[in-house]
Protein backbone atom coordinates (compact mmCIF):
# COMPACT_ATOMS: atom_id res chain seq x y z
CA MET A 1 -46.20 -40.60 19.17
CA ARG A 2 -43.84 -37.11 20.77
CA GLU A 3 -44.30 -38.94 23.94
CA ILE A 4 -43.12 -42.12 22.95
CA HIS A 5 -40.06 -40.38 20.86
CA ALA A 6 -38.79 -38.95 23.83
CA ARG A 7 -38.77 -41.88 26.06
CA PHE A 8 -36.66 -43.64 23.33
CA ILE A 9 -34.25 -40.97 22.98
CA ARG A 10 -34.24 -41.21 27.21
CA MET A 11 -33.37 -44.61 27.32
CA ALA A 12 -30.65 -44.25 24.56
CA LEU A 13 -28.67 -41.80 26.83
CA ILE A 14 -27.42 -44.53 29.01
CA THR A 15 -27.36 -47.79 26.75
CA LYS A 16 -23.56 -47.15 26.49
CA VAL A 17 -21.18 -46.83 29.58
CA GLU A 18 -17.73 -45.87 29.08
CA ALA A 19 -15.37 -46.97 32.12
CA ILE A 20 -11.66 -47.86 33.04
CA SER A 21 -10.04 -49.13 36.26
CA GLY A 22 -7.67 -50.11 38.30
CA SER A 23 -6.11 -51.86 41.66
CA TYR A 24 -3.08 -50.82 42.71
CA ILE A 25 -0.68 -52.23 45.94
CA GLY A 26 0.74 -49.02 47.02
CA SER A 27 2.55 -48.55 49.87
CA ARG A 28 1.51 -51.91 51.24
CA ASN A 29 3.21 -55.38 50.85
CA SER A 30 0.08 -56.63 49.49
CA ASN A 31 -3.38 -55.67 47.91
CA GLN A 32 -6.35 -56.37 50.05
CA ASP A 33 -8.83 -54.42 47.64
CA ALA A 34 -10.87 -56.33 45.00
CA ILE A 35 -12.93 -54.93 41.72
CA PHE A 36 -15.15 -56.07 39.54
CA PRO A 37 -14.43 -56.38 36.48
CA VAL A 38 -11.26 -56.04 36.66
CA ASP A 39 -11.14 -54.52 32.94
CA ALA A 40 -14.22 -52.48 32.67
CA ASP A 41 -15.62 -51.46 29.16
CA GLU A 42 -18.97 -50.46 27.44
CA ARG A 43 -20.57 -53.58 27.80
CA ALA A 44 -20.30 -53.33 31.68
CA SER A 45 -23.32 -52.53 34.09
CA LEU A 46 -22.30 -53.59 36.89
CA PHE A 47 -19.39 -52.17 39.07
CA ILE A 48 -17.77 -53.30 42.29
CA LEU A 49 -15.11 -52.10 44.71
CA CYS A 50 -13.83 -53.55 48.07
CA ASP A 51 -11.39 -52.67 50.41
CA GLY A 52 -10.64 -55.71 53.13
CA MET A 53 -9.52 -55.82 56.27
CA GLY A 54 -8.53 -58.65 59.11
CA GLY A 55 -4.82 -59.16 58.85
CA HIS A 56 -2.61 -61.09 57.02
CA ASP A 57 -4.40 -61.96 53.71
CA PHE A 58 -7.85 -62.36 55.27
CA GLY A 59 -8.51 -58.84 54.11
CA ASN A 60 -8.44 -59.89 50.46
CA ILE A 61 -10.24 -63.01 50.94
CA ALA A 62 -13.14 -60.86 52.30
CA ALA A 63 -12.92 -58.20 49.31
CA THR A 64 -12.77 -61.10 46.62
CA VAL A 65 -15.70 -62.95 48.40
CA ALA A 66 -17.82 -60.09 48.53
CA CYS A 67 -16.65 -58.90 44.60
CA LYS A 68 -17.55 -62.79 43.52
CA VAL A 69 -20.83 -63.29 45.51
CA ILE A 70 -22.69 -59.86 44.70
CA SER A 71 -21.50 -59.92 41.21
CA LYS A 72 -22.76 -63.14 40.57
CA PHE A 73 -25.97 -62.94 42.28
CA ILE A 74 -26.87 -59.80 40.63
CA LEU A 75 -25.57 -60.64 37.13
CA ASN A 76 -27.75 -64.25 37.38
CA HIS A 77 -30.79 -62.53 38.64
CA ILE A 78 -31.26 -59.36 36.54
CA GLY A 79 -35.13 -58.73 35.76
CA LYS A 80 -36.23 -61.22 38.21
CA GLN A 81 -36.48 -58.58 41.21
CA ASP A 82 -36.41 -54.55 41.30
CA SER A 83 -33.21 -53.41 40.85
CA LYS A 84 -33.10 -52.12 44.60
CA SER A 85 -33.69 -55.09 45.99
CA LEU A 86 -31.39 -57.29 43.62
CA VAL A 87 -28.66 -55.00 45.36
CA GLU A 88 -29.79 -55.17 48.92
CA ASN A 89 -30.31 -59.30 48.74
CA SER A 90 -26.75 -59.50 47.33
CA PHE A 91 -25.12 -57.88 50.32
CA LYS A 92 -27.19 -60.39 52.54
CA LEU A 93 -26.00 -63.11 50.58
CA ALA A 94 -22.40 -61.97 50.80
CA LYS A 95 -22.57 -61.35 54.32
CA ALA A 96 -24.02 -64.74 54.72
CA GLN A 97 -21.06 -66.33 52.84
CA MET A 98 -18.63 -64.59 55.27
CA VAL A 99 -20.44 -66.01 58.42
CA GLN A 100 -20.33 -69.44 57.14
CA MET A 101 -16.72 -69.24 56.23
CA GLY A 102 -15.97 -67.51 59.80
CA THR A 103 -18.13 -70.51 61.41
CA ILE A 104 -16.17 -72.95 59.52
CA SER A 105 -12.62 -71.90 60.55
CA PRO A 106 -12.00 -69.34 63.31
CA ARG A 107 -9.53 -67.49 61.19
CA HIS A 108 -11.59 -66.04 58.90
CA LYS A 109 -14.01 -64.68 61.59
CA ASP A 110 -12.25 -61.30 61.96
CA MET A 111 -12.47 -60.59 58.45
CA GLY A 112 -14.50 -57.71 56.60
CA THR A 113 -14.87 -55.36 53.80
CA THR A 114 -15.83 -52.50 52.64
CA THR A 115 -18.24 -52.35 49.32
CA SER A 116 -19.48 -49.75 46.94
CA LEU A 117 -21.58 -50.38 44.31
CA LEU A 118 -22.72 -48.66 41.16
CA PHE A 119 -25.49 -50.70 39.01
CA VAL A 120 -26.37 -49.09 35.69
CA ASP A 121 -30.09 -50.12 35.33
CA LYS A 122 -30.35 -49.34 31.51
CA ALA A 123 -33.87 -51.04 31.52
CA ASN A 124 -35.24 -48.15 33.41
CA ASN A 125 -32.81 -45.65 32.96
CA SER A 126 -31.72 -45.15 36.31
CA VAL A 127 -28.65 -46.10 38.58
CA ILE A 128 -28.70 -48.26 41.80
CA LEU A 129 -25.75 -46.66 44.46
CA GLY A 130 -24.70 -49.25 47.61
CA ASN A 131 -22.28 -48.73 50.25
CA ILE A 132 -20.79 -49.86 53.45
CA GLY A 133 -17.75 -48.52 55.06
CA ASP A 134 -15.59 -45.82 53.81
CA SER A 135 -14.86 -46.62 50.11
CA ARG A 136 -16.51 -43.70 48.40
CA ILE A 137 -18.74 -43.40 45.44
CA TYR A 138 -18.69 -39.66 43.79
CA TRP A 139 -21.32 -38.47 41.09
CA PHE A 140 -20.30 -35.48 39.19
CA ARG A 141 -21.95 -33.70 36.26
CA GLY A 142 -19.62 -31.34 34.56
CA ASN A 143 -17.70 -30.18 37.31
CA GLN A 144 -20.51 -30.24 39.90
CA GLU A 145 -20.81 -32.78 42.80
CA ILE A 146 -24.31 -33.89 42.79
CA TYR A 147 -23.55 -36.89 45.21
CA ARG A 148 -20.89 -38.56 47.29
CA THR A 149 -21.87 -41.57 49.52
CA VAL A 150 -21.52 -40.93 53.39
CA ASP A 151 -18.92 -42.81 55.18
CA HIS A 152 -19.66 -45.28 57.83
CA SER A 153 -16.67 -44.51 60.37
CA VAL A 154 -16.23 -43.36 63.68
CA VAL A 155 -14.91 -39.92 62.12
CA MET A 156 -17.84 -39.28 59.93
CA GLU A 157 -20.46 -39.55 63.32
CA LEU A 158 -18.12 -37.25 65.54
CA TYR A 159 -18.20 -35.08 62.20
CA LYS A 160 -22.04 -35.19 61.93
CA LYS A 161 -22.48 -34.43 65.78
CA GLY A 162 -20.55 -31.34 65.26
CA ILE A 163 -17.61 -32.64 67.78
CA ILE A 164 -15.12 -32.20 65.51
CA SER A 165 -14.39 -30.18 62.12
CA LYS A 166 -14.10 -31.34 58.56
CA ARG A 167 -10.38 -30.29 58.78
CA GLN A 168 -9.53 -32.30 61.83
CA ALA A 169 -11.40 -35.22 60.71
CA ARG A 170 -8.84 -35.47 57.94
CA THR A 171 -5.99 -36.21 60.43
CA HIS A 172 -7.95 -37.80 63.28
CA PRO A 173 -6.17 -40.80 64.80
CA GLN A 174 -9.14 -43.21 64.23
CA LYS A 175 -10.06 -41.99 61.00
CA HIS A 176 -10.06 -45.68 59.71
CA LEU A 177 -12.23 -46.84 62.36
CA LEU A 178 -15.40 -48.40 60.58
CA SER A 179 -18.85 -48.09 62.21
CA ARG A 180 -20.42 -50.71 59.46
CA VAL A 181 -18.79 -53.45 57.28
CA LEU A 182 -19.44 -56.69 55.63
CA SER A 183 -17.97 -58.89 57.68
CA ALA A 184 -17.95 -62.61 58.71
CA ASN A 185 -19.24 -61.70 62.59
CA PRO A 186 -22.64 -62.96 62.96
CA GLU A 187 -23.65 -60.17 65.46
CA LEU A 188 -22.66 -57.41 63.00
CA PRO A 189 -26.19 -56.96 61.09
CA VAL A 190 -25.74 -56.11 57.06
CA ALA A 191 -27.03 -52.54 56.72
CA PRO A 192 -25.28 -50.86 53.40
CA ASP A 193 -27.26 -47.83 51.85
CA VAL A 194 -28.58 -48.55 48.69
CA ILE A 195 -30.08 -45.58 46.48
CA GLU A 196 -31.75 -45.65 43.07
CA TYR A 197 -31.66 -42.46 41.01
CA GLY A 198 -33.26 -42.19 37.82
CA LYS A 199 -32.43 -38.35 37.12
CA VAL A 200 -29.21 -39.62 35.26
CA LYS A 201 -28.03 -37.55 32.15
CA PRO A 202 -25.35 -38.05 29.25
CA GLY A 203 -21.78 -37.03 30.60
CA ASP A 204 -22.43 -38.00 34.04
CA PHE A 205 -19.61 -39.20 35.80
CA PHE A 206 -19.20 -41.61 38.63
CA ILE A 207 -15.97 -42.75 40.59
CA LEU A 208 -15.75 -45.57 43.06
CA CYS A 209 -12.69 -45.29 44.93
CA SER A 210 -11.45 -46.76 48.30
CA ASP A 211 -10.08 -44.82 50.90
CA GLY A 212 -6.74 -45.47 49.25
CA VAL A 213 -7.42 -42.87 46.88
CA TRP A 214 -9.45 -40.21 48.39
CA ASP A 215 -6.99 -40.31 51.39
CA ALA A 216 -4.32 -39.40 49.00
CA LEU A 217 -6.03 -36.45 47.39
CA PRO A 218 -6.90 -33.02 49.02
CA ASP A 219 -10.26 -32.06 49.94
CA ASN A 220 -12.73 -31.31 47.24
CA ALA A 221 -9.86 -32.14 44.52
CA PHE A 222 -12.34 -34.02 42.30
CA GLU A 223 -14.23 -31.22 41.59
CA THR A 224 -11.20 -29.19 39.95
CA TRP A 225 -11.12 -31.75 36.94
CA ASN A 226 -13.08 -31.36 34.13
CA TRP A 227 -15.12 -34.58 34.20
CA PHE A 228 -17.47 -33.55 31.38
CA ASN A 229 -14.12 -32.91 28.91
CA ILE A 230 -11.48 -35.57 30.24
CA SER A 231 -10.93 -38.52 28.78
CA LEU A 232 -10.92 -41.82 30.77
CA THR A 233 -7.21 -42.37 30.00
CA GLU A 234 -6.23 -38.68 30.79
CA ALA A 235 -8.45 -39.04 34.03
CA ARG A 236 -6.43 -42.38 35.17
CA LYS A 237 -2.96 -40.50 34.43
CA GLN A 238 -3.72 -37.81 36.70
CA LEU A 239 -5.28 -40.17 39.56
CA LEU A 240 -2.36 -42.48 39.06
CA LYS A 241 0.07 -39.65 39.39
CA GLU A 242 -1.13 -38.13 42.58
CA CYS A 243 -1.84 -41.57 44.29
CA SER A 244 1.71 -43.07 43.44
CA ARG A 245 2.61 -39.87 45.19
CA ASN A 246 0.67 -39.38 48.42
CA ALA A 247 -1.06 -42.92 48.88
CA THR A 248 -0.23 -44.64 51.93
CA ASP A 249 -2.45 -47.67 51.50
CA ASN A 250 -3.31 -49.78 48.65
CA PHE A 251 -5.33 -47.73 45.81
CA SER A 252 -8.49 -48.97 43.60
CA PHE A 253 -11.02 -46.83 41.27
CA HIS A 254 -13.74 -47.43 38.65
CA LEU A 255 -14.09 -44.40 36.71
CA ILE A 256 -17.53 -44.29 34.86
CA ARG A 257 -19.15 -41.86 32.20
CA LEU A 258 -22.93 -42.67 31.00
CA LEU A 259 -23.17 -41.84 27.15
């Protein structure tokens, strides 16, 4: 009986999600980012953020397609596949859709997008994190960062090899050159990092954000914010203040707390 009761309490910890989201044009002429859902609330369990590229409006098309295809596939197949496979297959389907678009219309062949994804698997008391490109996912417990996705970029590869320092990476002329994206090019494989974590706790805080957000903030800026106590409204207000002042790109985010 004690074991059953403990399990029930553990499941209850992540049956409610508090979230707030935003996507802003920033200093650009158009917004190439896309998010799902646009208006997050406590019923949401899936959060996606995409930062498109490809010139003109093709970046927006790529980001929108990825958001729509991935979200539809996951929400329609929950419980039919294990959660990790579900996320991996959703990326593959989005890739196939984009390749098809590029084949039909050569104008779309160079489009691509980053993608970051958080899926709260309430049935298994876990979260699935997926990412490709340099849109990031941060996971905080109190003020401590316990996980951050690794950018799929040329500069990150140079940093990991010890060729450049973290400080040099911030201002490197190739800092936005990506090594992996979700693209319409059939020759580029779809290779997201997809990881499942089961050790979530009440108060755990997740940030999904485009490079327009993290590039506008100093290193480790998020670690100075009290994520355990700050309201999501206040967190968004603080984030908008910083990005509106410093961002040189579109900036988008999901702020998510497990309760």
